[in-house]
């Protein structure tokens, strides 16, 4: 349920953000919004282990439901309060044109952005799958520790993302450009994948092997760095890649990229993992 709910929430949030502010305002506010999201995640992840001392894991869904309800109320208030002429670009039909499916595929810039999303989402989903699978095996004899470990681990990811975004991300983008910025994560994924593969094949990659903890740490480090860089460098860089799109179709293109294309990419990744499991094509390490 994480994938569809996250997709819808982010789509509504950034869709609202793009309609409330013009390009100049968006560029100025983008960093603050991302840091606010990281701070909110940090509070959530560190509070989960504390909350689990008083409630069951399944009750976290109820808390999530209240969060979604508050989110919806705030969206209704914003959309009703700013639905007049001050709603950015709303009153000008020239700035709200739709890009047809044929036009979407004919626009090479948009097409390459779509392929970038699909490739990165598939890679990140496989990293996430490997981490969750290895974590489940590692904590198989102590299941109560798994949710707390995942909470603290995700909080660590947020801390790394916040530090990297605060002290390095803007400098990397400014000094080395967007091309280098979006190459950092593929290089990291490649390095960690090769090292994890070498360790697993050499020393073992199942819970029965004495060196499984080494393999697990490498998978966890891969998840930590890849997700941190994604949130602090990839996503801000990708938002900057959206700026050159023609103003009249920008909102529609961004909605399609962050909605349809991202959803399709998640579907492709999930289908690949499901096929691998269903037909027992390869082991976890591969």
Protein backbone atom coordinates (compact mmCIF):
# COMPACT_ATOMS: atom_id res chain seq x y z
CA UNK A 1 0.00 0.00 0.00
CA UNK A 2 3.02 2.31 0.40
CA UNK A 3 3.51 2.79 -3.34
CA UNK A 4 0.02 3.98 -4.39
CA UNK A 5 -0.56 6.10 -1.27
CA UNK A 6 2.84 7.78 -1.54
CA UNK A 7 2.31 8.35 -5.26
CA UNK A 8 -1.07 10.04 -4.77
CA UNK A 9 0.05 12.15 -1.79
CA UNK A 10 3.18 13.44 -3.54
CA UNK A 11 1.27 14.06 -6.77
CA UNK A 12 -1.35 16.15 -4.96
CA UNK A 13 1.28 17.99 -2.90
CA UNK A 14 3.61 18.96 -5.74
CA UNK A 15 0.70 19.64 -8.07
CA UNK A 16 -0.63 22.13 -5.52
CA UNK A 17 2.85 23.59 -5.00
CA UNK A 18 3.32 24.23 -8.72
CA UNK A 19 -0.04 25.99 -8.98
CA UNK A 20 0.47 28.16 -5.91
CA UNK A 21 3.87 29.56 -6.93
CA UNK A 22 5.49 30.71 -10.16
CA UNK A 23 8.84 29.40 -11.40
CA UNK A 24 10.92 32.05 -9.59
CA UNK A 25 9.14 31.45 -6.29
CA UNK A 26 9.35 27.67 -6.74
CA UNK A 27 13.13 27.75 -7.21
CA UNK A 28 13.52 29.83 -4.04
CA UNK A 29 11.21 27.67 -1.92
CA UNK A 30 12.22 24.23 -3.22
CA UNK A 31 15.06 23.69 -0.76
CA UNK A 32 12.99 24.77 2.24
CA UNK A 33 10.11 22.47 1.28
CA UNK A 34 12.44 19.48 0.85
CA UNK A 35 14.09 20.16 4.22
CA UNK A 36 10.65 20.45 5.83
CA UNK A 37 9.69 17.06 4.40
CA UNK A 38 12.92 15.54 5.71
CA UNK A 39 12.29 17.01 9.17
CA UNK A 40 8.75 15.60 9.22
CA UNK A 41 10.09 12.17 8.23
CA UNK A 42 12.72 12.37 10.96
CA UNK A 43 10.09 13.08 13.63
CA UNK A 44 7.94 10.21 12.35
CA UNK A 45 10.66 7.57 12.24
CA UNK A 46 12.08 8.39 15.67
CA UNK A 47 8.61 8.41 17.23
CA UNK A 48 7.59 4.99 15.85
CA UNK A 49 9.79 2.90 18.24
CA UNK A 50 8.42 4.93 21.16
CA UNK A 51 4.81 4.55 20.01
CA UNK A 52 5.26 0.80 19.50
CA UNK A 53 5.81 0.45 23.25
CA UNK A 54 2.14 1.34 23.74
CA UNK A 55 0.38 0.07 20.60
CA UNK A 56 0.59 -2.83 18.16
CA UNK A 57 2.28 -2.52 14.77
CA UNK A 58 -1.02 -2.75 12.89
CA UNK A 59 -2.33 0.28 14.80
CA UNK A 60 0.19 2.43 12.93
CA UNK A 61 -2.26 2.25 10.01
CA UNK A 62 -4.79 4.17 12.12
CA UNK A 63 -2.25 6.94 12.76
CA UNK A 64 -1.51 7.03 9.03
CA UNK A 65 -5.22 7.34 8.32
CA UNK A 66 -5.48 10.40 10.57
CA UNK A 67 -2.47 11.88 8.78
CA UNK A 68 -4.18 11.40 5.40
CA UNK A 69 -7.39 12.99 6.73
CA UNK A 70 -5.48 16.08 7.98
CA UNK A 71 -3.64 16.26 4.65
CA UNK A 72 -6.97 16.18 2.78
CA UNK A 73 -8.50 18.89 4.97
CA UNK A 74 -5.49 21.15 4.47
CA UNK A 75 -5.65 20.60 0.72
CA UNK A 76 -9.36 21.51 0.64
CA UNK A 77 -8.66 24.69 2.65
CA UNK A 78 -5.79 25.68 0.34
CA UNK A 79 -7.68 24.96 -2.86
CA UNK A 80 -10.78 26.87 -1.71
CA UNK A 81 -8.83 29.82 -0.31
CA UNK A 82 -6.61 30.30 -3.35
CA UNK A 83 -8.99 29.19 -6.09
CA UNK A 84 -9.56 32.75 -7.33
CA UNK A 85 -7.30 34.83 -9.59
CA UNK A 86 -4.35 34.44 -7.21
CA UNK A 87 -4.12 30.72 -7.93
CA UNK A 88 -0.99 30.65 -10.09
CA UNK A 89 -1.71 30.19 -13.82
CA UNK A 90 -5.24 28.98 -13.14
CA UNK A 91 -7.04 31.82 -14.89
CA UNK A 92 -4.93 31.70 -18.05
CA UNK A 93 -5.96 28.85 -20.31
CA UNK A 94 -2.83 29.31 -22.40
CA UNK A 95 -0.76 28.04 -19.48
CA UNK A 96 -2.87 24.96 -18.85
CA UNK A 97 -2.63 23.12 -22.15
CA UNK A 98 -2.63 19.33 -22.22
CA UNK A 99 0.05 17.28 -23.91
CA UNK A 100 -1.49 14.43 -25.89
CA UNK A 101 -0.13 10.90 -25.72
CA UNK A 102 1.34 11.24 -29.20
CA UNK A 103 2.89 14.60 -28.33
CA UNK A 104 4.26 13.07 -25.14
CA UNK A 105 6.20 10.42 -27.07
CA UNK A 106 7.25 12.86 -29.80
CA UNK A 107 8.80 15.26 -27.30
CA UNK A 108 12.29 13.75 -26.93
CA UNK A 109 13.10 15.76 -23.80
CA UNK A 110 9.99 14.52 -22.00
CA UNK A 111 10.53 10.99 -23.32
CA UNK A 112 14.08 10.82 -21.95
CA UNK A 113 12.88 12.15 -18.59
CA UNK A 114 10.32 9.33 -18.58
CA UNK A 115 12.95 6.70 -19.35
CA UNK A 116 15.14 8.16 -16.60
CA UNK A 117 12.29 7.79 -14.09
CA UNK A 118 11.55 4.20 -15.15
CA UNK A 119 15.20 3.09 -15.03
CA UNK A 120 15.87 4.74 -11.66
CA UNK A 121 12.65 3.46 -10.07
CA UNK A 122 13.36 -0.11 -11.17
CA UNK A 123 16.91 0.06 -9.79
CA UNK A 124 15.81 1.62 -6.50
CA UNK A 125 12.95 -0.86 -6.09
CA UNK A 126 15.37 -3.77 -6.46
CA UNK A 127 17.71 -2.21 -3.89
CA UNK A 128 14.74 -1.77 -1.55
CA UNK A 129 13.57 -5.34 -2.15
CA UNK A 130 17.04 -6.75 -1.43
CA UNK A 131 17.28 -4.74 1.78
CA UNK A 132 13.85 -5.76 3.09
CA UNK A 133 14.44 -9.40 2.18
CA UNK A 134 17.85 -9.47 3.88
CA UNK A 135 16.44 -7.63 6.92
CA UNK A 136 13.62 -10.15 7.28
CA UNK A 137 16.14 -13.01 7.22
CA UNK A 138 18.49 -11.28 9.66
CA UNK A 139 15.72 -10.64 12.20
CA UNK A 140 13.86 -13.92 11.59
CA UNK A 141 14.55 -15.15 15.13
CA UNK A 142 13.56 -11.81 16.75
CA UNK A 143 10.59 -10.42 14.77
CA UNK A 144 9.75 -7.77 17.37
CA UNK A 145 13.03 -6.02 16.63
CA UNK A 146 12.38 -5.69 12.90
CA UNK A 147 9.93 -2.72 12.95
CA UNK A 148 12.14 -0.78 15.39
CA UNK A 149 15.22 -1.47 13.29
CA UNK A 150 13.44 -0.28 10.13
CA UNK A 151 12.30 2.90 11.91
CA UNK A 152 15.78 3.77 13.16
CA UNK A 153 17.31 2.85 9.82
CA UNK A 154 14.90 5.07 7.88
CA UNK A 155 15.58 7.86 10.39
CA UNK A 156 19.30 7.45 9.70
CA UNK A 157 18.57 7.73 5.98
CA UNK A 158 16.71 10.99 6.62
CA UNK A 159 19.62 12.35 8.72
CA UNK A 160 22.10 11.50 5.95
CA UNK A 161 19.78 13.09 3.38
CA UNK A 162 19.38 16.23 5.47
CA UNK A 163 23.12 16.61 6.06
CA UNK A 164 23.97 15.93 2.42
CA UNK A 165 21.28 18.29 1.19
CA UNK A 166 22.33 21.03 3.62
CA UNK A 167 26.09 20.89 3.14
CA UNK A 168 26.77 19.24 -0.22
CA UNK A 169 23.85 18.90 -2.64
CA UNK A 170 23.55 22.55 -3.70
CA UNK A 171 27.31 22.82 -4.06
CA UNK A 172 27.50 19.66 -6.19
CA UNK A 173 24.75 20.95 -8.49
CA UNK A 174 26.30 24.43 -8.71
CA UNK A 175 29.92 23.34 -9.20
CA UNK A 176 29.53 20.18 -11.28
CA UNK A 177 26.17 20.63 -12.99
CA UNK A 178 23.04 18.52 -13.25
CA UNK A 179 24.64 15.84 -15.41
CA UNK A 180 27.17 14.92 -12.72
CA UNK A 181 24.51 15.20 -10.02
CA UNK A 182 22.28 12.54 -11.57
CA UNK A 183 25.26 10.24 -12.22
CA UNK A 184 26.19 9.98 -8.53
CA UNK A 185 23.48 7.46 -7.65
CA UNK A 186 24.02 5.09 -10.61
CA UNK A 187 27.73 4.97 -9.76
CA UNK A 188 26.94 4.27 -6.09
CA UNK A 189 24.47 1.52 -7.01
CA UNK A 190 27.06 -0.04 -9.31
CA UNK A 191 29.80 -0.01 -6.66
CA UNK A 192 27.65 -1.43 -3.86
CA UNK A 193 26.13 -4.06 -6.15
CA UNK A 194 29.53 -5.34 -7.27
CA UNK A 195 30.89 -5.40 -3.70
CA UNK A 196 27.78 -7.13 -2.30
CA UNK A 197 27.91 -9.68 -5.12
CA UNK A 198 31.59 -10.40 -4.47
CA UNK A 199 31.05 -10.76 -0.70
CA UNK A 200 27.96 -12.94 -1.13
CA UNK A 201 29.53 -15.29 -3.63
CA UNK A 202 32.79 -15.54 -1.69
CA UNK A 203 31.53 -15.88 1.89
CA UNK A 204 27.82 -16.75 1.61
CA UNK A 205 24.59 -14.77 1.43
CA UNK A 206 22.06 -16.85 3.38
CA UNK A 207 21.20 -16.70 7.07
CA UNK A 208 22.82 -20.12 7.48
CA UNK A 209 26.27 -18.77 6.55
CA UNK A 210 28.40 -17.28 9.33
CA UNK A 211 29.30 -14.27 7.16
CA UNK A 212 25.69 -13.31 6.39
CA UNK A 213 26.02 -10.26 8.63
CA UNK A 214 28.72 -8.87 6.31
CA UNK A 215 26.47 -9.32 3.30
CA UNK A 216 23.57 -7.76 5.21
CA UNK A 217 25.65 -4.72 6.22
CA UNK A 218 26.70 -4.16 2.61
CA UNK A 219 23.06 -4.32 1.45
CA UNK A 220 22.05 -1.93 4.25
CA UNK A 221 24.85 0.51 3.34
CA UNK A 222 23.71 0.35 -0.27
CA UNK A 223 20.15 1.23 0.75
CA UNK A 224 21.39 3.98 3.09
CA UNK A 225 23.55 5.85 0.59
CA UNK A 226 21.39 5.28 -2.48
CA UNK A 227 18.19 6.47 -0.79
CA UNK A 228 19.97 9.41 0.88
CA UNK A 229 21.38 10.61 -2.42
CA UNK A 230 18.03 10.09 -4.13
CA UNK A 231 16.18 12.32 -1.67
CA UNK A 232 18.88 14.98 -1.33
CA UNK A 233 20.35 15.15 -4.83
CA UNK A 234 18.31 13.22 -7.40
CA UNK A 235 14.90 14.68 -6.63
CA UNK A 236 16.02 18.37 -6.46
CA UNK A 237 18.03 17.85 -9.67
CA UNK A 238 15.06 16.28 -11.41
CA UNK A 239 12.83 19.21 -10.41
CA UNK A 240 15.38 21.54 -12.03
CA UNK A 241 15.25 19.41 -15.18
CA UNK A 242 11.53 20.20 -15.37
CA UNK A 243 12.10 23.97 -15.50
CA UNK A 244 13.03 24.18 -19.24
CA UNK A 245 9.73 22.57 -20.30
CA UNK A 246 7.44 25.00 -22.11
CA UNK A 247 5.34 26.93 -19.63
CA UNK A 248 2.04 26.16 -21.36
CA UNK A 249 2.44 22.39 -20.87
CA UNK A 250 4.72 22.29 -17.82
CA UNK A 251 2.05 21.48 -15.23
CA UNK A 252 0.48 18.77 -17.38
CA UNK A 253 3.88 17.20 -18.19
CA UNK A 254 4.94 17.20 -14.52
CA UNK A 255 1.63 15.62 -13.52
CA UNK A 256 2.10 12.88 -16.12
CA UNK A 257 5.73 12.26 -15.15
CA UNK A 258 5.14 12.16 -11.40
CA UNK A 259 1.84 10.31 -11.77
CA UNK A 260 1.49 8.02 -14.78
CA UNK A 261 5.17 7.42 -15.54
CA UNK A 262 6.20 6.93 -11.89
CA UNK A 263 3.25 4.60 -11.32
CA UNK A 264 4.13 2.64 -14.46
CA UNK A 265 7.78 2.41 -13.36
CA UNK A 266 6.73 1.02 -9.97
CA UNK A 267 4.45 -1.46 -11.74
CA UNK A 268 7.29 -2.62 -14.00
CA UNK A 269 9.65 -3.06 -11.03
CA UNK A 270 7.02 -4.96 -9.05
CA UNK A 271 6.19 -7.20 -12.02
CA UNK A 272 9.87 -8.06 -12.48
CA UNK A 273 10.29 -8.96 -8.81
CA UNK A 274 7.05 -10.96 -8.84
CA UNK A 275 8.20 -12.88 -11.93
CA UNK A 276 11.57 -13.64 -10.33
CA UNK A 277 9.81 -14.98 -7.22
CA UNK A 278 7.09 -16.82 -9.12
CA UNK A 279 9.37 -18.73 -11.45
CA UNK A 280 12.39 -18.97 -9.09
CA UNK A 281 14.60 -17.52 -11.80
CA UNK A 282 17.45 -16.37 -9.54
CA UNK A 283 18.53 -16.22 -5.92
CA UNK A 284 18.35 -13.06 -3.81
CA UNK A 285 21.98 -12.19 -4.45
CA UNK A 286 21.41 -11.94 -8.20
